[in-house]
């Protein structure tokens, strides 16, 4: 049984469809990224899983039960966590643990473990109002884990941090993923590639692709030929409407030509180059990176 099962998920506001019949699942122990540009529908999906937003259609099951009956098994870090600035870090965790009805002896031990895990043990008695952005994010992760949830959900966990704070949180999450099941949203492709077992790429409320990095690359990449030569502008202009050509990007004397088939595309391009008598300086086959695949899919969806 999947830990989280999302089936035909739909959300509408009036006639505006924000999430369109999305299906995916998360297995126990997986780290999954919900990846897409700003406005793609990531936060809406997360809020429906959390039963904050009502579903227009579809179903969400956690451990085989309706998600709104299993909220206590989910830990959540919002994009912009807000805490009482007059509390200390330890007091905040004690408060959150009390809300979860954790016994005092167990809670004290749990707080000590989490403060050490997120690197706040030396700042536990410091007022949260004096915490840096990175420290608040660490505290947010600790409070989301206080009740030992089955699923940790984070909405853009590093988007508001500087590069150093972002790196610290990513390293922290690498440790947490060894013991937890994680779903987090992001628009930063590198973070998802570094952390995750699986990615869900969405745009305009639609699921575009679902799989591991290798699966996504194998299933969706297009062959690219890098061609370098003078007088390319006129030649590439003539190729635009050819059936075998997927797209052409021209930068100075270099053309990046995507084709629908490697073998046919190579032979066709070489034959066409000879006919045009182009003085070729470079002709190279390369594979699309994950970033190039992501950008292409988002632009064409």
C-alpha atoms as a PDB file:
ATOM      1  CA  UNK A   1       0.000   0.000   0.000  1.00  0.00           C
ATOM      2  CA  UNK A   2       1.228   3.505  -0.828  1.00  0.00           C
ATOM      3  CA  UNK A   3       1.687   5.899   2.084  1.00  0.00           C
ATOM      4  CA  UNK A   4       0.026   8.723   0.130  1.00  0.00           C
ATOM      5  CA  UNK A   5      -2.305   8.099  -2.810  1.00  0.00           C
ATOM      6  CA  UNK A   6      -3.645  11.056  -4.819  1.00  0.00           C
ATOM      7  CA  UNK A   7      -6.274  10.207  -7.439  1.00  0.00           C
ATOM      8  CA  UNK A   8      -7.896  12.516 -10.005  1.00  0.00           C
ATOM      9  CA  UNK A   9      -7.272  15.527  -7.749  1.00  0.00           C
ATOM     10  CA  UNK A  10      -9.130  18.630  -8.881  1.00  0.00           C
ATOM     11  CA  UNK A  11      -9.560  22.153  -7.557  1.00  0.00           C
ATOM     12  CA  UNK A  12     -11.722  24.904  -9.030  1.00  0.00           C
ATOM     13  CA  UNK A  13     -12.412  28.459  -7.962  1.00  0.00           C
ATOM     14  CA  UNK A  14     -15.574  29.300  -9.857  1.00  0.00           C
ATOM     15  CA  UNK A  15     -14.825  28.473 -13.487  1.00  0.00           C
ATOM     16  CA  UNK A  16     -11.074  28.672 -12.963  1.00  0.00           C
ATOM     17  CA  UNK A  17      -9.489  25.220 -12.753  1.00  0.00           C
ATOM     18  CA  UNK A  18      -6.354  25.438 -10.611  1.00  0.00           C
ATOM     19  CA  UNK A  19      -5.588  21.706 -10.324  1.00  0.00           C
ATOM     20  CA  UNK A  20      -6.553  19.372 -13.161  1.00  0.00           C
ATOM     21  CA  UNK A  21      -7.119  15.662 -12.449  1.00  0.00           C
ATOM     22  CA  UNK A  22      -3.722  14.916 -10.939  1.00  0.00           C
ATOM     23  CA  UNK A  23      -2.664  11.360  -9.994  1.00  0.00           C
ATOM     24  CA  UNK A  24       0.442  10.369  -8.053  1.00  0.00           C
ATOM     25  CA  UNK A  25       1.562   8.305  -5.079  1.00  0.00           C
ATOM     26  CA  UNK A  26       4.339   8.393  -2.514  1.00  0.00           C
ATOM     27  CA  UNK A  27       5.794   5.259  -0.927  1.00  0.00           C
ATOM     28  CA  UNK A  28       7.103   4.964   2.615  1.00  0.00           C
ATOM     29  CA  UNK A  29      10.650   6.348   2.862  1.00  0.00           C
ATOM     30  CA  UNK A  30      10.607   8.317  -0.402  1.00  0.00           C
ATOM     31  CA  UNK A  31      11.645  11.932  -0.798  1.00  0.00           C
ATOM     32  CA  UNK A  32       9.496  13.524  -3.516  1.00  0.00           C
ATOM     33  CA  UNK A  33       9.666  17.009  -5.026  1.00  0.00           C
ATOM     34  CA  UNK A  34       6.618  18.844  -6.310  1.00  0.00           C
ATOM     35  CA  UNK A  35       8.360  20.897  -8.956  1.00  0.00           C
ATOM     36  CA  UNK A  36       7.003  23.752 -11.039  1.00  0.00           C
ATOM     37  CA  UNK A  37       7.177  27.494 -11.694  1.00  0.00           C
ATOM     38  CA  UNK A  38       5.486  29.997  -9.422  1.00  0.00           C
ATOM     39  CA  UNK A  39       1.710  29.757  -9.842  1.00  0.00           C
ATOM     40  CA  UNK A  40       1.816  26.162 -11.113  1.00  0.00           C
ATOM     41  CA  UNK A  41      -0.507  24.905  -8.350  1.00  0.00           C
ATOM     42  CA  UNK A  42       2.037  23.448  -5.916  1.00  0.00           C
ATOM     43  CA  UNK A  43       0.769  25.171  -2.772  1.00  0.00           C
ATOM     44  CA  UNK A  44      -2.853  24.419  -3.683  1.00  0.00           C
ATOM     45  CA  UNK A  45      -2.044  20.696  -3.939  1.00  0.00           C
ATOM     46  CA  UNK A  46      -0.244  20.773  -0.589  1.00  0.00           C
ATOM     47  CA  UNK A  47      -3.147  22.548   1.118  1.00  0.00           C
ATOM     48  CA  UNK A  48      -5.577  19.955  -0.206  1.00  0.00           C
ATOM     49  CA  UNK A  49      -3.398  17.134   1.148  1.00  0.00           C
ATOM     50  CA  UNK A  50      -3.385  18.943   4.494  1.00  0.00           C
ATOM     51  CA  UNK A  51      -7.209  19.307   4.341  1.00  0.00           C
ATOM     52  CA  UNK A  52      -6.827  23.103   4.561  1.00  0.00           C
ATOM     53  CA  UNK A  53      -8.457  23.498   1.138  1.00  0.00           C
ATOM     54  CA  UNK A  54     -11.443  21.403   0.126  1.00  0.00           C
ATOM     55  CA  UNK A  55     -11.240  19.125  -2.905  1.00  0.00           C
ATOM     56  CA  UNK A  56     -13.395  19.941  -5.911  1.00  0.00           C
ATOM     57  CA  UNK A  57     -12.926  16.393  -7.140  1.00  0.00           C
ATOM     58  CA  UNK A  58     -10.808  13.312  -6.643  1.00  0.00           C
ATOM     59  CA  UNK A  59      -9.505  11.549  -3.563  1.00  0.00           C
ATOM     60  CA  UNK A  60      -6.519  11.681  -1.211  1.00  0.00           C
ATOM     61  CA  UNK A  61      -5.652   8.684   0.967  1.00  0.00           C
ATOM     62  CA  UNK A  62      -2.991   8.553   3.682  1.00  0.00           C
ATOM     63  CA  UNK A  63      -2.187   5.039   4.862  1.00  0.00           C
ATOM     64  CA  UNK A  64      -5.349   3.907   3.109  1.00  0.00           C
ATOM     65  CA  UNK A  65      -7.615   6.307   5.003  1.00  0.00           C
ATOM     66  CA  UNK A  66      -9.173   9.627   4.028  1.00  0.00           C
ATOM     67  CA  UNK A  67      -6.561  12.350   4.452  1.00  0.00           C
ATOM     68  CA  UNK A  68      -8.783  14.629   6.571  1.00  0.00           C
ATOM     69  CA  UNK A  69      -8.971  11.839   9.153  1.00  0.00           C
ATOM     70  CA  UNK A  70      -5.169  11.481   9.295  1.00  0.00           C
ATOM     71  CA  UNK A  71      -3.950  15.045   9.813  1.00  0.00           C
ATOM     72  CA  UNK A  72      -2.145  14.130  13.033  1.00  0.00           C
ATOM     73  CA  UNK A  73       0.175  11.911  10.990  1.00  0.00           C
ATOM     74  CA  UNK A  74       1.404  14.827   8.835  1.00  0.00           C
ATOM     75  CA  UNK A  75       4.129  17.335   9.755  1.00  0.00           C
ATOM     76  CA  UNK A  76       3.979  20.659   7.918  1.00  0.00           C
ATOM     77  CA  UNK A  77       6.390  23.513   7.276  1.00  0.00           C
ATOM     78  CA  UNK A  78       4.720  26.424   5.438  1.00  0.00           C
ATOM     79  CA  UNK A  79       6.649  28.620   3.027  1.00  0.00           C
ATOM     80  CA  UNK A  80       6.778  31.503   5.508  1.00  0.00           C
ATOM     81  CA  UNK A  81       6.606  30.047   9.044  1.00  0.00           C
ATOM     82  CA  UNK A  82       5.565  32.518  11.734  1.00  0.00           C
ATOM     83  CA  UNK A  83       6.346  32.012  15.421  1.00  0.00           C
ATOM     84  CA  UNK A  84       5.775  33.948  18.623  1.00  0.00           C
ATOM     85  CA  UNK A  85       8.919  36.143  18.847  1.00  0.00           C
ATOM     86  CA  UNK A  86       8.775  36.254  22.671  1.00  0.00           C
ATOM     87  CA  UNK A  87       9.101  32.479  22.943  1.00  0.00           C
ATOM     88  CA  UNK A  88      12.410  30.637  22.990  1.00  0.00           C
ATOM     89  CA  UNK A  89      13.048  27.777  20.595  1.00  0.00           C
ATOM     90  CA  UNK A  90      12.584  25.228  23.391  1.00  0.00           C
ATOM     91  CA  UNK A  91       9.351  26.862  24.530  1.00  0.00           C
ATOM     92  CA  UNK A  92       7.940  26.777  20.998  1.00  0.00           C
ATOM     93  CA  UNK A  93       8.677  23.048  20.652  1.00  0.00           C
ATOM     94  CA  UNK A  94       7.158  22.383  24.089  1.00  0.00           C
ATOM     95  CA  UNK A  95       4.045  24.334  23.064  1.00  0.00           C
ATOM     96  CA  UNK A  96       3.701  22.424  19.792  1.00  0.00           C
ATOM     97  CA  UNK A  97       4.285  19.108  21.537  1.00  0.00           C
ATOM     98  CA  UNK A  98       1.559  19.961  24.032  1.00  0.00           C
ATOM     99  CA  UNK A  99      -0.871  20.612  21.192  1.00  0.00           C
ATOM    100  CA  UNK A 100      -0.063  17.104  19.951  1.00  0.00           C
ATOM    101  CA  UNK A 101      -0.776  15.634  23.428  1.00  0.00           C
ATOM    102  CA  UNK A 102       2.718  14.212  23.812  1.00  0.00           C
ATOM    103  CA  UNK A 103       3.479  13.021  27.350  1.00  0.00           C
ATOM    104  CA  UNK A 104       5.857  15.334  29.223  1.00  0.00           C
ATOM    105  CA  UNK A 105       8.704  12.845  29.687  1.00  0.00           C
ATOM    106  CA  UNK A 106       8.581  11.778  26.047  1.00  0.00           C
ATOM    107  CA  UNK A 107       8.255  15.398  24.900  1.00  0.00           C
ATOM    108  CA  UNK A 108      11.341  16.515  26.823  1.00  0.00           C
ATOM    109  CA  UNK A 109      13.412  13.780  25.213  1.00  0.00           C
ATOM    110  CA  UNK A 110      11.946  14.543  21.800  1.00  0.00           C
ATOM    111  CA  UNK A 111      12.749  18.260  22.110  1.00  0.00           C
ATOM    112  CA  UNK A 112      16.360  17.498  23.015  1.00  0.00           C
ATOM    113  CA  UNK A 113      16.693  15.143  20.038  1.00  0.00           C
ATOM    114  CA  UNK A 114      15.212  17.642  17.581  1.00  0.00           C
ATOM    115  CA  UNK A 115      17.223  20.626  18.817  1.00  0.00           C
ATOM    116  CA  UNK A 116      20.354  18.572  18.242  1.00  0.00           C
ATOM    117  CA  UNK A 117      19.144  17.318  14.874  1.00  0.00           C
ATOM    118  CA  UNK A 118      18.463  20.804  13.486  1.00  0.00           C
ATOM    119  CA  UNK A 119      21.512  22.383  15.132  1.00  0.00           C
ATOM    120  CA  UNK A 120      19.687  24.702  17.537  1.00  0.00           C
ATOM    121  CA  UNK A 121      20.776  23.140  20.835  1.00  0.00           C
ATOM    122  CA  UNK A 122      23.005  26.131  21.612  1.00  0.00           C
ATOM    123  CA  UNK A 123      20.198  28.589  20.778  1.00  0.00           C
ATOM    124  CA  UNK A 124      17.352  26.733  22.503  1.00  0.00           C
ATOM    125  CA  UNK A 125      16.894  29.445  25.179  1.00  0.00           C
ATOM    126  CA  UNK A 126      17.317  32.343  22.768  1.00  0.00           C
ATOM    127  CA  UNK A 127      14.211  34.372  21.843  1.00  0.00           C
ATOM    128  CA  UNK A 128      12.854  33.401  18.426  1.00  0.00           C
ATOM    129  CA  UNK A 129      12.613  37.107  17.573  1.00  0.00           C
ATOM    130  CA  UNK A 130      16.420  37.176  17.488  1.00  0.00           C
ATOM    131  CA  UNK A 131      16.726  34.115  15.210  1.00  0.00           C
ATOM    132  CA  UNK A 132      18.057  34.483  11.666  1.00  0.00           C
ATOM    133  CA  UNK A 133      15.975  33.303   8.704  1.00  0.00           C
ATOM    134  CA  UNK A 134      17.904  30.049   8.548  1.00  0.00           C
ATOM    135  CA  UNK A 135      17.457  29.415  12.275  1.00  0.00           C
ATOM    136  CA  UNK A 136      13.692  29.978  11.984  1.00  0.00           C
ATOM    137  CA  UNK A 137      13.554  27.521   9.118  1.00  0.00           C
ATOM    138  CA  UNK A 138      15.431  24.962  11.215  1.00  0.00           C
ATOM    139  CA  UNK A 139      12.989  25.536  14.066  1.00  0.00           C
ATOM    140  CA  UNK A 140      10.113  25.150  11.605  1.00  0.00           C
ATOM    141  CA  UNK A 141      11.434  21.753  10.560  1.00  0.00           C
ATOM    142  CA  UNK A 142      11.792  20.730  14.217  1.00  0.00           C
ATOM    143  CA  UNK A 143       8.203  21.707  15.051  1.00  0.00           C
ATOM    144  CA  UNK A 144       6.959  19.805  11.991  1.00  0.00           C
ATOM    145  CA  UNK A 145       8.737  16.675  13.277  1.00  0.00           C
ATOM    146  CA  UNK A 146       7.837  16.999  16.971  1.00  0.00           C
ATOM    147  CA  UNK A 147       4.999  14.439  16.838  1.00  0.00           C
ATOM    148  CA  UNK A 148       6.957  11.989  14.651  1.00  0.00           C
ATOM    149  CA  UNK A 149       4.682  12.258  11.600  1.00  0.00           C
ATOM    150  CA  UNK A 150       4.430   9.599   8.912  1.00  0.00           C
ATOM    151  CA  UNK A 151       4.736  12.277   6.216  1.00  0.00           C
ATOM    152  CA  UNK A 152       6.696  15.553   6.334  1.00  0.00           C
ATOM    153  CA  UNK A 153       5.372  18.207   3.938  1.00  0.00           C
ATOM    154  CA  UNK A 154       7.298  21.406   3.226  1.00  0.00           C
ATOM    155  CA  UNK A 155       6.276  24.298   0.996  1.00  0.00           C
ATOM    156  CA  UNK A 156       9.295  25.996  -0.630  1.00  0.00           C
ATOM    157  CA  UNK A 157      11.562  25.271   2.374  1.00  0.00           C
ATOM    158  CA  UNK A 158      14.615  27.199   1.104  1.00  0.00           C
ATOM    159  CA  UNK A 159      13.181  29.854  -1.235  1.00  0.00           C
ATOM    160  CA  UNK A 160      13.544  32.758   1.249  1.00  0.00           C
ATOM    161  CA  UNK A 161      17.084  31.903   2.397  1.00  0.00           C
ATOM    162  CA  UNK A 162      20.464  33.259   1.341  1.00  0.00           C
ATOM    163  CA  UNK A 163      22.876  30.805  -0.349  1.00  0.00           C
ATOM    164  CA  UNK A 164      24.563  29.809   2.929  1.00  0.00           C
ATOM    165  CA  UNK A 165      21.256  29.263   4.747  1.00  0.00           C
ATOM    166  CA  UNK A 166      19.907  27.351   1.763  1.00  0.00           C
ATOM    167  CA  UNK A 167      22.909  25.025   1.749  1.00  0.00           C
ATOM    168  CA  UNK A 168      22.562  24.390   5.500  1.00  0.00           C
ATOM    169  CA  UNK A 169      18.881  23.429   5.166  1.00  0.00           C
ATOM    170  CA  UNK A 170      19.563  21.154   2.183  1.00  0.00           C
ATOM    171  CA  UNK A 171      22.246  19.327   4.163  1.00  0.00           C
ATOM    172  CA  UNK A 172      19.839  19.000   7.092  1.00  0.00           C
ATOM    173  CA  UNK A 173      17.131  17.549   4.832  1.00  0.00           C
ATOM    174  CA  UNK A 174      19.587  14.988   3.460  1.00  0.00           C
ATOM    175  CA  UNK A 175      19.861  13.593   6.977  1.00  0.00           C
ATOM    176  CA  UNK A 176      16.138  13.751   7.695  1.00  0.00           C
ATOM    177  CA  UNK A 177      15.225  11.899   4.487  1.00  0.00           C
ATOM    178  CA  UNK A 178      17.060   8.818   5.760  1.00  0.00           C
ATOM    179  CA  UNK A 179      14.337   8.353   8.405  1.00  0.00           C
ATOM    180  CA  UNK A 180      11.286  10.166   7.025  1.00  0.00           C
ATOM    181  CA  UNK A 181       8.943  10.300   4.067  1.00  0.00           C
ATOM    182  CA  UNK A 182       9.106  13.785   2.568  1.00  0.00           C
ATOM    183  CA  UNK A 183       7.071  15.788   0.074  1.00  0.00           C
ATOM    184  CA  UNK A 184       8.301  19.290  -0.631  1.00  0.00           C
ATOM    185  CA  UNK A 185       7.464  21.873  -3.240  1.00  0.00           C
ATOM    186  CA  UNK A 186      10.069  23.978  -5.006  1.00  0.00           C
ATOM    187  CA  UNK A 187      10.729  25.879  -8.211  1.00  0.00           C
ATOM    188  CA  UNK A 188      14.491  25.348  -7.832  1.00  0.00           C
ATOM    189  CA  UNK A 189      15.389  22.390 -10.011  1.00  0.00           C
ATOM    190  CA  UNK A 190      18.847  21.834  -8.525  1.00  0.00           C
ATOM    191  CA  UNK A 191      17.422  21.331  -5.025  1.00  0.00           C
ATOM    192  CA  UNK A 192      15.005  18.694  -6.259  1.00  0.00           C
ATOM    193  CA  UNK A 193      17.706  16.918  -8.257  1.00  0.00           C
ATOM    194  CA  UNK A 194      20.067  16.881  -5.260  1.00  0.00           C
ATOM    195  CA  UNK A 195      17.574  15.623  -2.673  1.00  0.00           C
ATOM    196  CA  UNK A 196      14.813  13.599  -4.259  1.00  0.00           C
ATOM    197  CA  UNK A 197      14.096  10.033  -5.267  1.00  0.00           C
ATOM    198  CA  UNK A 198      11.220  11.176  -7.455  1.00  0.00           C
ATOM    199  CA  UNK A 199       9.918  14.381  -9.041  1.00  0.00           C
ATOM    200  CA  UNK A 200       6.439  15.523  -9.963  1.00  0.00           C
ATOM    201  CA  UNK A 201       6.700  18.306 -12.539  1.00  0.00           C
ATOM    202  CA  UNK A 202       3.538  20.385 -12.796  1.00  0.00           C
ATOM    203  CA  UNK A 203       2.484  23.520 -14.649  1.00  0.00           C
ATOM    204  CA  UNK A 204      -0.861  25.300 -14.858  1.00  0.00           C
ATOM    205  CA  UNK A 205      -2.360  22.695 -12.537  1.00  0.00           C
ATOM    206  CA  UNK A 206      -1.420  19.737 -14.759  1.00  0.00           C
ATOM    207  CA  UNK A 207       1.005  16.924 -13.975  1.00  0.00           C
ATOM    208  CA  UNK A 208       3.512  16.906 -16.842  1.00  0.00           C
ATOM    209  CA  UNK A 209       5.815  14.101 -15.733  1.00  0.00           C
ATOM    210  CA  UNK A 210       6.305  11.797 -12.756  1.00  0.00           C
ATOM    211  CA  UNK A 211       9.407   9.726 -12.050  1.00  0.00           C
ATOM    212  CA  UNK A 212      13.040   9.600 -10.970  1.00  0.00           C
ATOM    213  CA  UNK A 213      15.599  11.918 -12.569  1.00  0.00           C
ATOM    214  CA  UNK A 214      16.847   9.105 -14.822  1.00  0.00           C
ATOM    215  CA  UNK A 215      13.304   8.107 -15.823  1.00  0.00           C
ATOM    216  CA  UNK A 216      12.381  11.695 -16.673  1.00  0.00           C
ATOM    217  CA  UNK A 217      15.497  12.153 -18.790  1.00  0.00           C
ATOM    218  CA  UNK A 218      14.996   8.835 -20.607  1.00  0.00           C
ATOM    219  CA  UNK A 219      11.292   9.392 -21.257  1.00  0.00           C
ATOM    220  CA  UNK A 220      11.254  13.058 -22.254  1.00  0.00           C
ATOM    221  CA  UNK A 221      14.594  14.232 -23.582  1.00  0.00           C
ATOM    222  CA  UNK A 222      15.018  15.265 -27.217  1.00  0.00           C
ATOM    223  CA  UNK A 223      18.274  14.754 -29.161  1.00  0.00           C
ATOM    224  CA  UNK A 224      20.195  18.013 -29.704  1.00  0.00           C
ATOM    225  CA  UNK A 225      22.789  18.728 -32.368  1.00  0.00           C
ATOM    226  CA  UNK A 226      25.171  21.626 -31.774  1.00  0.00           C
ATOM    227  CA  UNK A 227      26.188  23.128 -35.126  1.00  0.00           C
ATOM    228  CA  UNK A 228      28.774  25.875 -35.421  1.00  0.00           C
ATOM    229  CA  UNK A 229      29.444  27.685 -38.685  1.00  0.00           C
ATOM    230  CA  UNK A 230      29.330  31.142 -40.243  1.00  0.00           C
ATOM    231  CA  UNK A 231      26.205  32.201 -42.174  1.00  0.00           C
ATOM    232  CA  UNK A 232      23.899  30.052 -40.041  1.00  0.00           C
ATOM    233  CA  UNK A 233      21.024  32.513 -39.795  1.00  0.00           C
ATOM    234  CA  UNK A 234      19.671  32.067 -43.320  1.00  0.00           C
ATOM    235  CA  UNK A 235      20.217  28.294 -43.239  1.00  0.00           C
ATOM    236  CA  UNK A 236      18.426  27.743 -39.912  1.00  0.00           C
ATOM    237  CA  UNK A 237      15.547  29.951 -41.060  1.00  0.00           C
ATOM    238  CA  UNK A 238      14.884  27.462 -43.861  1.00  0.00           C
ATOM    239  CA  UNK A 239      14.747  24.525 -41.390  1.00  0.00           C
ATOM    240  CA  UNK A 240      12.028  25.841 -39.078  1.00  0.00           C
ATOM    241  CA  UNK A 241       9.085  24.206 -40.852  1.00  0.00           C
ATOM    242  CA  UNK A 242      10.735  20.840 -41.514  1.00  0.00           C
ATOM    243  CA  UNK A 243       8.866  17.913 -39.897  1.00  0.00           C
ATOM    244  CA  UNK A 244      11.976  16.307 -38.467  1.00  0.00           C
ATOM    245  CA  UNK A 245      12.972  19.487 -36.585  1.00  0.00           C
ATOM    246  CA  UNK A 246      11.640  19.948 -33.040  1.00  0.00           C
ATOM    247  CA  UNK A 247      13.125  23.406 -32.440  1.00  0.00           C
ATOM    248  CA  UNK A 248      16.081  25.634 -33.292  1.00  0.00           C
ATOM    249  CA  UNK A 249      17.943  28.084 -31.065  1.00  0.00           C
ATOM    250  CA  UNK A 250      20.473  30.337 -32.794  1.00  0.00           C
ATOM    251  CA  UNK A 251      23.119  32.250 -30.844  1.00  0.00           C
ATOM    252  CA  UNK A 252      25.671  34.002 -33.053  1.00  0.00           C
ATOM    253  CA  UNK A 253      27.420  31.351 -35.135  1.00  0.00           C
ATOM    254  CA  UNK A 254      26.089  28.433 -33.050  1.00  0.00           C
ATOM    255  CA  UNK A 255      22.777  26.644 -33.575  1.00  0.00           C
ATOM    256  CA  UNK A 256      21.172  24.241 -31.104  1.00  0.00           C
ATOM    257  CA  UNK A 257      18.899  21.989 -33.195  1.00  0.00           C
ATOM    258  CA  UNK A 258      16.475  19.585 -31.492  1.00  0.00           C
ATOM    259  CA  UNK A 259      15.307  16.715 -33.693  1.00  0.00           C
ATOM    260  CA  UNK A 260      12.609  14.080 -33.258  1.00  0.00           C
ATOM    261  CA  UNK A 261      14.855  11.123 -34.088  1.00  0.00           C
ATOM    262  CA  UNK A 262      18.625  10.854 -33.615  1.00  0.00           C
ATOM    263  CA  UNK A 263      19.529   8.719 -36.640  1.00  0.00           C
ATOM    264  CA  UNK A 264      17.195  10.367 -39.122  1.00  0.00           C
ATOM    265  CA  UNK A 265      17.980  13.804 -37.755  1.00  0.00           C
ATOM    266  CA  UNK A 266      21.744  13.358 -38.037  1.00  0.00           C
ATOM    267  CA  UNK A 267      21.606  12.056 -41.609  1.00  0.00           C
ATOM    268  CA  UNK A 268      19.126  14.735 -42.671  1.00  0.00           C
ATOM    269  CA  UNK A 269      21.131  17.584 -41.118  1.00  0.00           C
ATOM    270  CA  UNK A 270      24.454  16.414 -42.622  1.00  0.00           C
ATOM    271  CA  UNK A 271      22.875  16.051 -46.052  1.00  0.00           C
ATOM    272  CA  UNK A 272      21.315  19.499 -45.801  1.00  0.00           C
ATOM    273  CA  UNK A 273      24.609  21.036 -44.628  1.00  0.00           C
ATOM    274  CA  UNK A 274      26.405  19.591 -47.662  1.00  0.00           C
ATOM    275  CA  UNK A 275      23.753  20.961 -50.021  1.00  0.00           C
ATOM    276  CA  UNK A 276      24.055  24.393 -48.442  1.00  0.00           C
ATOM    277  CA  UNK A 277      27.877  24.168 -48.640  1.00  0.00           C
ATOM    278  CA  UNK A 278      28.232  25.401 -45.045  1.00  0.00           C
ATOM    279  CA  UNK A 279      31.831  25.563 -43.723  1.00  0.00           C
ATOM    280  CA  UNK A 280      31.099  23.578 -40.557  1.00  0.00           C
ATOM    281  CA  UNK A 281      33.365  24.174 -37.561  1.00  0.00           C
ATOM    282  CA  UNK A 282      31.460  21.932 -35.150  1.00  0.00           C
ATOM    283  CA  UNK A 283      28.804  19.220 -35.406  1.00  0.00           C
ATOM    284  CA  UNK A 284      28.107  17.490 -32.090  1.00  0.00           C
ATOM    285  CA  UNK A 285      25.309  15.378 -30.590  1.00  0.00           C
ATOM    286  CA  UNK A 286      24.489  16.254 -26.965  1.00  0.00           C
ATOM    287  CA  UNK A 287      21.728  15.224 -24.567  1.00  0.00           C
ATOM    288  CA  UNK A 288      19.345  17.609 -22.849  1.00  0.00           C
ATOM    289  CA  UNK A 289      20.002  18.338 -19.200  1.00  0.00           C
ATOM    290  CA  UNK A 290      17.197  18.023 -16.655  1.00  0.00           C
ATOM    291  CA  UNK A 291      16.981  21.818 -16.547  1.00  0.00           C
ATOM    292  CA  UNK A 292      16.556  22.028 -20.322  1.00  0.00           C
ATOM    293  CA  UNK A 293      13.840  19.357 -20.209  1.00  0.00           C
ATOM    294  CA  UNK A 294      12.041  21.206 -17.419  1.00  0.00           C
ATOM    295  CA  UNK A 295      12.142  24.564 -19.209  1.00  0.00           C
ATOM    296  CA  UNK A 296      10.979  23.045 -22.490  1.00  0.00           C
ATOM    297  CA  UNK A 297       8.081  21.215 -20.872  1.00  0.00           C
ATOM    298  CA  UNK A 298       6.932  24.279 -18.944  1.00  0.00           C
ATOM    299  CA  UNK A 299       7.127  26.515 -22.018  1.00  0.00           C
ATOM    300  CA  UNK A 300       5.119  24.125 -24.195  1.00  0.00           C
ATOM    301  CA  UNK A 301       2.464  23.085 -21.648  1.00  0.00           C
END
